């Protein structure tokens, strides 16, 4: 009986030790599993943040590309307008030069006509005086 009691105590102690060891492994495994799960959740949350940030950046990139196209078109229109204005300016300069030459010619003719008129007045006066 003593042997069975000792066997029972030894068995109980061995069972308890095994139970404690298994409990630590099971509980430790749960802790490790919980730790890994929380790390996985953190990584997934961070991944979602990066995915959202990436989508925002893609939208911003599309907006910037569209704005760039608008600005290029506006610049091209402005450049064309500038060329048109330069052409008009060149044309206006040419007309001014032509009109200036015409004006100088007309001034010369008016001066000549004025001189001729004075000469004719003198001749007319001389003719009247002879009569």
Protein backbone atom coordinates (compact mmCIF):
# COMPACT_ATOMS: atom_id res chain seq x y z
CA UNK A 1 0.00 0.00 0.00
CA UNK A 2 2.86 2.16 0.78
CA UNK A 3 4.29 1.44 -2.61
CA UNK A 4 1.04 2.35 -4.30
CA UNK A 5 0.79 5.48 -2.22
CA UNK A 6 4.30 6.47 -3.18
CA UNK A 7 3.50 5.57 -6.77
CA UNK A 8 0.35 7.63 -6.56
CA UNK A 9 2.23 10.59 -5.06
CA UNK A 10 5.00 10.22 -7.65
CA UNK A 11 2.36 9.94 -10.37
CA UNK A 12 0.52 12.96 -8.99
CA UNK A 13 3.73 14.97 -8.80
CA UNK A 14 4.74 13.88 -12.31
CA UNK A 15 1.27 14.71 -13.60
CA UNK A 16 1.34 18.10 -11.92
CA UNK A 17 4.80 18.82 -13.30
CA UNK A 18 3.67 17.72 -16.76
CA UNK A 19 0.49 19.79 -16.42
CA UNK A 20 2.48 22.86 -15.37
CA UNK A 21 4.92 22.33 -18.25
CA UNK A 22 2.09 21.90 -20.73
CA UNK A 23 0.25 24.86 -19.27
CA UNK A 24 3.34 27.03 -19.73
CA UNK A 25 3.72 25.77 -23.29
CA UNK A 26 0.04 26.26 -24.05
CA UNK A 27 -0.16 29.62 -22.32
CA UNK A 28 3.25 30.60 -23.62
CA UNK A 29 2.12 29.52 -27.08
CA UNK A 30 -0.99 31.65 -26.70
CA UNK A 31 1.13 34.58 -25.60
CA UNK A 32 3.43 34.01 -28.53
CA UNK A 33 0.45 33.54 -30.83
CA UNK A 34 -1.17 36.71 -29.45
CA UNK A 35 2.10 38.58 -29.91
CA UNK A 36 2.42 37.37 -33.48
CA UNK A 37 -1.23 38.21 -34.17
CA UNK A 38 -0.80 41.71 -32.78
CA UNK A 39 2.34 42.19 -34.89
CA UNK A 40 0.42 40.94 -37.93
CA UNK A 41 -2.43 43.34 -37.16
CA UNK A 42 0.04 46.22 -36.85
CA UNK A 43 1.68 45.29 -40.16
CA UNK A 44 -1.73 45.05 -41.86
CA UNK A 45 -2.79 48.41 -40.43
CA UNK A 46 0.46 50.00 -41.60
CA UNK A 47 0.01 48.37 -45.00
CA UNK A 48 -3.49 49.87 -45.23
CA UNK A 49 -2.08 53.29 -44.34
CA UNK A 50 0.51 52.95 -47.12
CA UNK A 51 -2.17 51.77 -49.56
CA UNK A 52 -4.33 54.81 -48.75
CA UNK A 53 -1.33 57.15 -48.95
CA UNK A 54 -0.39 55.59 -52.29
CA UNK A 55 -3.93 56.14 -53.63
CA UNK A 56 -3.82 59.78 -52.47
CA UNK A 57 -0.45 60.29 -54.11
CA UNK A 58 -1.68 58.69 -57.34
CA UNK A 59 -4.68 61.06 -57.36
CA UNK A 60 -2.40 64.02 -56.70
CA UNK A 61 -0.09 62.87 -59.48
CA UNK A 62 -3.04 62.66 -61.90
CA UNK A 63 -4.16 66.15 -60.84
CA UNK A 64 -0.65 67.52 -61.35
CA UNK A 65 -0.37 65.88 -64.76
CA UNK A 66 -3.70 67.43 -65.79
CA UNK A 67 -2.61 70.84 -64.45
CA UNK A 68 0.69 70.49 -66.31
CA UNK A 69 -1.18 69.78 -69.57
CA UNK A 70 -3.38 72.86 -69.01
CA UNK A 71 -0.34 75.05 -68.33
CA UNK A 72 1.48 73.73 -71.40
CA UNK A 73 -1.57 74.46 -73.57
CA UNK A 74 -1.86 77.93 -72.03
CA UNK A 75 1.86 78.54 -72.60
CA UNK A 76 1.51 77.41 -76.20
CA UNK A 77 -1.45 79.75 -76.71
CA UNK A 78 0.49 82.57 -75.05
CA UNK A 79 3.51 81.82 -77.22
CA UNK A 80 1.30 81.88 -80.33
CA UNK A 81 -0.28 85.13 -79.16
CA UNK A 82 3.18 86.56 -78.58
CA UNK A 83 4.18 85.60 -82.12
CA UNK A 84 1.00 87.20 -83.46
CA UNK A 85 1.71 90.39 -81.49
CA UNK A 86 5.28 90.48 -82.76
CA UNK A 87 3.99 90.13 -86.33
CA UNK A 88 1.51 92.96 -85.74
CA UNK A 89 4.27 95.10 -84.22
CA UNK A 90 6.54 94.50 -87.21
CA UNK A 91 3.68 95.39 -89.55
CA UNK A 92 2.92 98.56 -87.57
CA UNK A 93 6.61 99.57 -87.65
CA UNK A 94 6.66 99.06 -91.40
CA UNK A 95 3.52 101.17 -91.85
CA UNK A 96 4.93 103.92 -89.61
CA UNK A 97 8.12 103.98 -91.63
CA UNK A 98 6.15 104.17 -94.88
CA UNK A 99 3.85 106.90 -93.53
CA UNK A 100 6.84 108.85 -92.21
CA UNK A 101 8.42 108.79 -95.67
CA UNK A 102 5.12 109.85 -97.24
CA UNK A 103 4.79 112.66 -94.71
CA UNK A 104 8.30 113.89 -95.43
CA UNK A 105 7.53 113.83 -99.17
CA UNK A 106 4.29 115.76 -98.62
CA UNK A 107 6.08 118.35 -96.45
CA UNK A 108 8.66 118.80 -99.20
CA UNK A 109 5.89 119.24 -101.80
CA UNK A 110 3.97 121.71 -99.60
CA UNK A 111 7.14 123.74 -99.12
CA UNK A 112 7.74 123.66 -102.88
CA UNK A 113 4.12 124.66 -103.59
CA UNK A 114 4.39 127.46 -101.05
CA UNK A 115 7.53 128.77 -102.72
CA UNK A 116 5.86 128.50 -106.13
CA UNK A 117 2.84 130.29 -104.78
CA UNK A 118 4.99 133.15 -103.47
CA UNK A 119 6.75 133.36 -106.83
CA UNK A 120 3.39 133.43 -108.63
CA UNK A 121 2.10 136.14 -106.29
CA UNK A 122 5.15 138.24 -107.04
CA UNK A 123 4.67 137.69 -110.77
CA UNK A 124 0.98 138.52 -110.48
CA UNK A 125 1.77 141.74 -108.64
CA UNK A 126 4.31 142.67 -111.26
CA UNK A 127 1.75 142.07 -114.00
CA UNK A 128 -0.81 144.22 -112.22
CA UNK A 129 1.70 146.95 -111.72
CA UNK A 130 2.51 146.96 -115.46
CA UNK A 131 -1.03 147.48 -116.43
